[in-house]
Amino acid sequence: RVGRELDRQLQNYGYNVIHSETYHNYPSYTGSYENSYKTVTNLLQKNKNTDIVIDLHRDAISDYSYAPTVKIGEEYAAQLMFVIGGNISKEHPNWQQNLKFAVKIQQKANEMYPRSV
């Protein structure tokens, strides 16, 4: 559902969106990142003019002692975490641009929704 909402919002801003709802952690969580990598690679091969890929994960741990949420006003929302791949195990020459992009998104989110302590 989060992916569909992000899709809708980006389209409202005029972005072309390709939204894959592929489950990467089925039948097992082990290998989910490798499965996700394969999906992204295939999508990029079919869509050569892609500017950005958002690999959105929902933290669905049923143990509520670990609740990755933030309170905004009177409501709780999932926290954002950006994982930026580097040039370690897979070639990724543009990882620094991705980091800069993620920092801009984080700065804007912090501006719009400051954390109350």
N, C-alpha and C. Protein backbone atom coordinates (compact mmCIF):
# COMPACT_ATOMS: atom_id res chain seq x y z
N ARG A 1 0.81 -1.19 0.00
CA ARG A 1 0.00 0.00 0.00
C ARG A 1 0.86 1.27 0.00
N VAL A 2 1.98 1.23 0.71
CA VAL A 2 2.87 2.39 0.75
C VAL A 2 3.43 2.67 -0.64
N GLY A 3 3.81 1.60 -1.34
CA GLY A 3 4.34 1.77 -2.70
C GLY A 3 3.31 2.37 -3.64
N ARG A 4 2.07 1.94 -3.52
CA ARG A 4 1.00 2.48 -4.38
C ARG A 4 0.77 3.96 -4.09
N GLU A 5 0.86 4.35 -2.83
CA GLU A 5 0.68 5.76 -2.47
C GLU A 5 1.85 6.60 -2.98
N LEU A 6 3.06 6.08 -2.85
CA LEU A 6 4.22 6.79 -3.38
C LEU A 6 4.10 6.93 -4.89
N ASP A 7 3.68 5.87 -5.56
CA ASP A 7 3.44 5.88 -7.00
C ASP A 7 2.46 7.00 -7.36
N ARG A 8 1.34 7.05 -6.66
CA ARG A 8 0.30 8.05 -6.93
C ARG A 8 0.83 9.47 -6.72
N GLN A 9 1.55 9.68 -5.63
CA GLN A 9 2.07 11.02 -5.34
C GLN A 9 3.09 11.46 -6.38
N LEU A 10 3.98 10.57 -6.77
CA LEU A 10 4.98 10.92 -7.79
C LEU A 10 4.32 11.23 -9.12
N GLN A 11 3.29 10.45 -9.50
CA GLN A 11 2.57 10.73 -10.73
C GLN A 11 1.86 12.08 -10.66
N ASN A 12 1.35 12.44 -9.48
CA ASN A 12 0.71 13.75 -9.31
C ASN A 12 1.69 14.88 -9.59
N TYR A 13 2.99 14.63 -9.36
CA TYR A 13 4.02 15.63 -9.64
C TYR A 13 4.57 15.50 -11.05
N GLY A 14 3.99 14.61 -11.86
CA GLY A 14 4.37 14.50 -13.26
C GLY A 14 5.46 13.50 -13.57
N TYR A 15 5.83 12.67 -12.60
CA TYR A 15 6.85 11.66 -12.86
C TYR A 15 6.24 10.43 -13.51
N ASN A 16 7.00 9.83 -14.42
CA ASN A 16 6.62 8.53 -14.96
C ASN A 16 7.07 7.48 -13.95
N VAL A 17 6.19 6.58 -13.59
CA VAL A 17 6.47 5.61 -12.54
C VAL A 17 6.25 4.19 -13.05
N ILE A 18 7.19 3.33 -12.76
CA ILE A 18 7.02 1.90 -12.98
C ILE A 18 7.02 1.29 -11.58
N HIS A 19 5.93 0.72 -11.19
CA HIS A 19 5.78 0.21 -9.83
C HIS A 19 5.70 -1.31 -9.86
N SER A 20 6.72 -1.95 -9.34
CA SER A 20 6.73 -3.40 -9.23
C SER A 20 6.26 -3.78 -7.83
N GLU A 21 5.31 -4.70 -7.76
CA GLU A 21 4.83 -5.18 -6.46
C GLU A 21 5.34 -6.59 -6.18
N THR A 22 6.51 -6.89 -6.74
CA THR A 22 7.12 -8.21 -6.56
C THR A 22 7.51 -8.40 -5.10
N TYR A 23 7.16 -9.55 -4.55
CA TYR A 23 7.59 -9.90 -3.19
C TYR A 23 8.99 -10.48 -3.28
N HIS A 24 9.91 -9.89 -2.56
CA HIS A 24 11.30 -10.35 -2.60
C HIS A 24 11.67 -11.20 -1.40
N ASN A 25 10.83 -11.24 -0.40
CA ASN A 25 11.15 -12.01 0.81
C ASN A 25 10.33 -13.29 0.92
N TYR A 26 9.76 -13.74 -0.20
CA TYR A 26 8.98 -14.97 -0.19
C TYR A 26 9.70 -16.01 -1.04
N PRO A 27 9.88 -17.19 -0.64
CA PRO A 27 9.34 -17.84 0.55
C PRO A 27 10.17 -17.60 1.81
N SER A 28 11.29 -16.87 1.68
CA SER A 28 12.16 -16.67 2.83
C SER A 28 12.76 -15.27 2.78
N TYR A 29 13.01 -14.70 3.95
CA TYR A 29 13.66 -13.40 4.03
C TYR A 29 15.09 -13.47 3.50
N THR A 30 15.73 -14.61 3.72
CA THR A 30 17.09 -14.82 3.22
C THR A 30 17.07 -14.68 1.70
N GLY A 31 17.92 -13.84 1.20
CA GLY A 31 17.99 -13.64 -0.25
C GLY A 31 17.09 -12.52 -0.75
N SER A 32 16.37 -11.85 0.13
CA SER A 32 15.43 -10.83 -0.34
C SER A 32 16.13 -9.65 -1.01
N TYR A 33 17.30 -9.27 -0.52
CA TYR A 33 18.01 -8.16 -1.15
C TYR A 33 18.55 -8.56 -2.52
N GLU A 34 19.02 -9.77 -2.65
CA GLU A 34 19.48 -10.26 -3.95
C GLU A 34 18.31 -10.35 -4.93
N ASN A 35 17.16 -10.80 -4.45
CA ASN A 35 15.97 -10.85 -5.30
C ASN A 35 15.56 -9.45 -5.75
N SER A 36 15.61 -8.51 -4.83
CA SER A 36 15.28 -7.12 -5.16
C SER A 36 16.25 -6.57 -6.21
N TYR A 37 17.53 -6.88 -6.04
CA TYR A 37 18.55 -6.44 -7.00
C TYR A 37 18.23 -6.95 -8.40
N LYS A 38 17.81 -8.21 -8.49
CA LYS A 38 17.46 -8.79 -9.80
C LYS A 38 16.27 -8.06 -10.43
N THR A 39 15.26 -7.75 -9.62
CA THR A 39 14.10 -7.01 -10.14
C THR A 39 14.51 -5.64 -10.66
N VAL A 40 15.30 -4.93 -9.87
CA VAL A 40 15.74 -3.59 -10.28
C VAL A 40 16.58 -3.67 -11.55
N THR A 41 17.50 -4.62 -11.61
CA THR A 41 18.34 -4.78 -12.79
C THR A 41 17.50 -5.03 -14.04
N ASN A 42 16.51 -5.92 -13.93
CA ASN A 42 15.64 -6.20 -15.08
C ASN A 42 14.84 -4.97 -15.49
N LEU A 43 14.31 -4.23 -14.53
CA LEU A 43 13.56 -3.02 -14.85
C LEU A 43 14.44 -1.98 -15.53
N LEU A 44 15.67 -1.83 -15.07
CA LEU A 44 16.58 -0.86 -15.67
C LEU A 44 16.99 -1.26 -17.08
N GLN A 45 17.12 -2.55 -17.33
CA GLN A 45 17.46 -3.01 -18.68
C GLN A 45 16.33 -2.71 -19.65
N LYS A 46 15.08 -2.80 -19.19
CA LYS A 46 13.91 -2.55 -20.04
C LYS A 46 13.59 -1.07 -20.17
N ASN A 47 14.07 -0.26 -19.24
CA ASN A 47 13.75 1.17 -19.19
C ASN A 47 15.05 1.95 -19.07
N LYS A 48 15.70 2.15 -20.19
CA LYS A 48 17.05 2.72 -20.23
C LYS A 48 17.13 4.17 -19.75
N ASN A 49 16.05 4.92 -19.83
CA ASN A 49 16.08 6.35 -19.48
C ASN A 49 15.62 6.61 -18.05
N THR A 50 15.80 5.66 -17.17
CA THR A 50 15.38 5.80 -15.80
C THR A 50 16.31 6.74 -15.05
N ASP A 51 15.73 7.69 -14.34
CA ASP A 51 16.53 8.64 -13.56
C ASP A 51 16.74 8.20 -12.12
N ILE A 52 15.77 7.52 -11.56
CA ILE A 52 15.86 7.13 -10.16
C ILE A 52 15.12 5.82 -9.93
N VAL A 53 15.63 5.03 -9.03
CA VAL A 53 14.97 3.80 -8.60
C VAL A 53 14.79 3.90 -7.09
N ILE A 54 13.58 3.67 -6.63
CA ILE A 54 13.32 3.63 -5.20
C ILE A 54 12.94 2.20 -4.86
N ASP A 55 13.77 1.57 -4.09
CA ASP A 55 13.52 0.20 -3.65
C ASP A 55 12.95 0.31 -2.24
N LEU A 56 11.65 0.31 -2.15
CA LEU A 56 10.94 0.59 -0.90
C LEU A 56 10.70 -0.69 -0.12
N HIS A 57 11.13 -0.67 1.12
CA HIS A 57 10.92 -1.82 2.00
C HIS A 57 10.05 -1.39 3.17
N ARG A 58 9.16 -2.25 3.57
CA ARG A 58 8.31 -1.98 4.72
C ARG A 58 8.77 -2.88 5.84
N ASP A 59 9.12 -2.28 6.97
CA ASP A 59 9.59 -3.05 8.11
C ASP A 59 8.39 -3.64 8.82
N ALA A 60 8.14 -4.90 8.61
CA ALA A 60 6.91 -5.52 9.10
C ALA A 60 7.16 -6.50 10.24
N ILE A 61 8.06 -6.12 11.12
CA ILE A 61 8.36 -6.98 12.25
C ILE A 61 7.17 -6.95 13.21
N SER A 62 6.73 -8.12 13.64
CA SER A 62 5.56 -8.19 14.51
C SER A 62 5.90 -7.92 15.97
N ASP A 63 7.17 -7.80 16.30
CA ASP A 63 7.59 -7.50 17.66
C ASP A 63 7.51 -6.00 17.88
N TYR A 64 6.50 -5.55 18.63
CA TYR A 64 6.27 -4.12 18.78
C TYR A 64 7.24 -3.45 19.75
N SER A 65 8.15 -4.22 20.36
CA SER A 65 9.19 -3.58 21.16
C SER A 65 10.17 -2.83 20.25
N TYR A 66 10.21 -3.24 19.00
CA TYR A 66 10.99 -2.54 17.99
C TYR A 66 9.97 -1.91 17.04
N ALA A 67 9.73 -0.63 17.20
CA ALA A 67 8.72 0.04 16.39
C ALA A 67 9.38 1.21 15.66
N PRO A 68 9.78 1.01 14.41
CA PRO A 68 10.47 2.07 13.66
C PRO A 68 9.49 3.14 13.19
N THR A 69 8.94 3.88 14.14
CA THR A 69 7.98 4.93 13.81
C THR A 69 8.44 6.26 14.40
N VAL A 70 7.83 7.31 13.90
CA VAL A 70 8.08 8.65 14.41
C VAL A 70 6.72 9.31 14.60
N LYS A 71 6.59 10.10 15.65
CA LYS A 71 5.34 10.80 15.91
C LYS A 71 5.36 12.15 15.21
N ILE A 72 4.36 12.37 14.37
CA ILE A 72 4.21 13.64 13.66
C ILE A 72 2.86 14.19 14.08
N GLY A 73 2.87 15.26 14.85
CA GLY A 73 1.62 15.76 15.41
C GLY A 73 1.08 14.73 16.38
N GLU A 74 -0.12 14.26 16.12
CA GLU A 74 -0.74 13.24 16.98
C GLU A 74 -0.73 11.85 16.35
N GLU A 75 -0.09 11.71 15.20
CA GLU A 75 -0.08 10.43 14.51
C GLU A 75 1.32 9.85 14.43
N TYR A 76 1.37 8.53 14.28
CA TYR A 76 2.64 7.84 14.10
C TYR A 76 2.78 7.43 12.64
N ALA A 77 4.00 7.58 12.15
CA ALA A 77 4.29 7.21 10.77
C ALA A 77 5.58 6.41 10.74
N ALA A 78 5.75 5.60 9.71
CA ALA A 78 6.99 4.84 9.55
C ALA A 78 8.15 5.78 9.33
N GLN A 79 9.27 5.46 9.93
CA GLN A 79 10.48 6.24 9.69
C GLN A 79 11.05 5.89 8.32
N LEU A 80 11.81 6.81 7.78
CA LEU A 80 12.52 6.57 6.53
C LEU A 80 13.96 6.19 6.83
N MET A 81 14.48 5.30 6.04
CA MET A 81 15.90 4.98 6.12
C MET A 81 16.38 4.78 4.69
N PHE A 82 17.44 5.47 4.36
CA PHE A 82 18.02 5.33 3.03
C PHE A 82 19.26 4.44 3.13
N VAL A 83 19.31 3.44 2.28
CA VAL A 83 20.48 2.58 2.19
C VAL A 83 21.11 2.86 0.83
N ILE A 84 22.31 3.36 0.85
CA ILE A 84 22.98 3.75 -0.38
C ILE A 84 24.08 2.74 -0.67
N GLY A 85 23.94 2.04 -1.78
CA GLY A 85 24.96 1.06 -2.17
C GLY A 85 26.20 1.76 -2.69
N GLY A 86 27.33 1.17 -2.45
CA GLY A 86 28.59 1.73 -2.91
C GLY A 86 29.29 0.82 -3.88
N ASN A 87 30.53 1.06 -4.10
CA ASN A 87 31.34 0.29 -5.04
C ASN A 87 32.05 -0.86 -4.34
N ILE A 88 31.34 -1.57 -3.49
CA ILE A 88 32.02 -2.63 -2.74
C ILE A 88 31.87 -3.97 -3.46
N SER A 89 30.68 -4.55 -3.44
CA SER A 89 30.52 -5.87 -4.05
C SER A 89 29.94 -5.81 -5.46
N LYS A 90 29.22 -4.76 -5.77
CA LYS A 90 28.64 -4.62 -7.11
C LYS A 90 29.04 -3.23 -7.63
N GLU A 91 29.39 -3.16 -8.88
CA GLU A 91 29.80 -1.88 -9.44
C GLU A 91 28.64 -0.90 -9.41
N HIS A 92 28.89 0.25 -8.83
CA HIS A 92 27.86 1.27 -8.74
C HIS A 92 28.55 2.64 -8.74
N PRO A 93 28.95 3.12 -9.91
CA PRO A 93 29.76 4.34 -9.99
C PRO A 93 29.02 5.61 -9.55
N ASN A 94 27.70 5.60 -9.48
CA ASN A 94 26.95 6.82 -9.15
C ASN A 94 26.46 6.85 -7.71
N TRP A 95 27.03 6.04 -6.84
CA TRP A 95 26.51 5.96 -5.48
C TRP A 95 26.60 7.29 -4.75
N GLN A 96 27.61 8.12 -5.07
CA GLN A 96 27.76 9.41 -4.38
C GLN A 96 26.61 10.36 -4.76
N GLN A 97 26.15 10.31 -6.01
CA GLN A 97 25.00 11.11 -6.42
C GLN A 97 23.75 10.65 -5.68
N ASN A 98 23.62 9.33 -5.50
CA ASN A 98 22.48 8.80 -4.76
C ASN A 98 22.50 9.27 -3.32
N LEU A 99 23.67 9.30 -2.72
CA LEU A 99 23.79 9.77 -1.34
C LEU A 99 23.38 11.24 -1.23
N LYS A 100 23.82 12.07 -2.15
CA LYS A 100 23.44 13.48 -2.15
C LYS A 100 21.93 13.64 -2.29
N PHE A 101 21.33 12.84 -3.17
CA PHE A 101 19.89 12.88 -3.38
C PHE A 101 19.15 12.49 -2.11
N ALA A 102 19.59 11.42 -1.46
CA ALA A 102 18.96 10.96 -0.22
C ALA A 102 19.09 12.00 0.88
N VAL A 103 20.22 12.67 0.96
CA VAL A 103 20.41 13.71 1.98
C VAL A 103 19.43 14.86 1.74
N LYS A 104 19.21 15.24 0.48
CA LYS A 104 18.25 16.30 0.17
C LYS A 104 16.83 15.90 0.59
N ILE A 105 16.46 14.64 0.33
CA ILE A 105 15.13 14.17 0.73
C ILE A 105 15.02 14.20 2.25
N GLN A 106 16.07 13.74 2.94
CA GLN A 106 16.04 13.72 4.40
C GLN A 106 15.95 15.13 4.96
N GLN A 107 16.69 16.07 4.40
CA GLN A 107 16.63 17.45 4.86
C GLN A 107 15.23 18.03 4.69
N LYS A 108 14.60 17.77 3.55
CA LYS A 108 13.25 18.27 3.30
C LYS A 108 12.25 17.63 4.26
N ALA A 109 12.38 16.33 4.49
CA ALA A 109 11.48 15.65 5.43
C ALA A 109 11.65 16.22 6.83
N ASN A 110 12.89 16.46 7.25
CA ASN A 110 13.13 17.04 8.57
C ASN A 110 12.55 18.45 8.68
N GLU A 111 12.62 19.19 7.60
CA GLU A 111 12.05 20.54 7.56
C GLU A 111 10.53 20.51 7.67
N MET A 112 9.92 19.58 6.91
CA MET A 112 8.46 19.48 6.89
C MET A 112 7.91 18.84 8.16
N TYR A 113 8.63 17.87 8.71
CA TYR A 113 8.15 17.11 9.85
C TYR A 113 9.24 17.01 10.91
N PRO A 114 9.50 18.12 11.61
CA PRO A 114 10.56 18.09 12.63
C PRO A 114 10.20 17.11 13.74
N ARG A 115 11.19 16.43 14.25
CA ARG A 115 10.98 15.47 15.33
C ARG A 115 10.74 16.23 16.64
N SER A 116 9.73 15.80 17.34
CA SER A 116 9.50 16.35 18.66
C SER A 116 10.18 15.45 19.67
N VAL A 117 10.93 16.03 20.56
CA VAL A 117 11.71 15.23 21.52
C VAL A 117 10.98 15.15 22.84
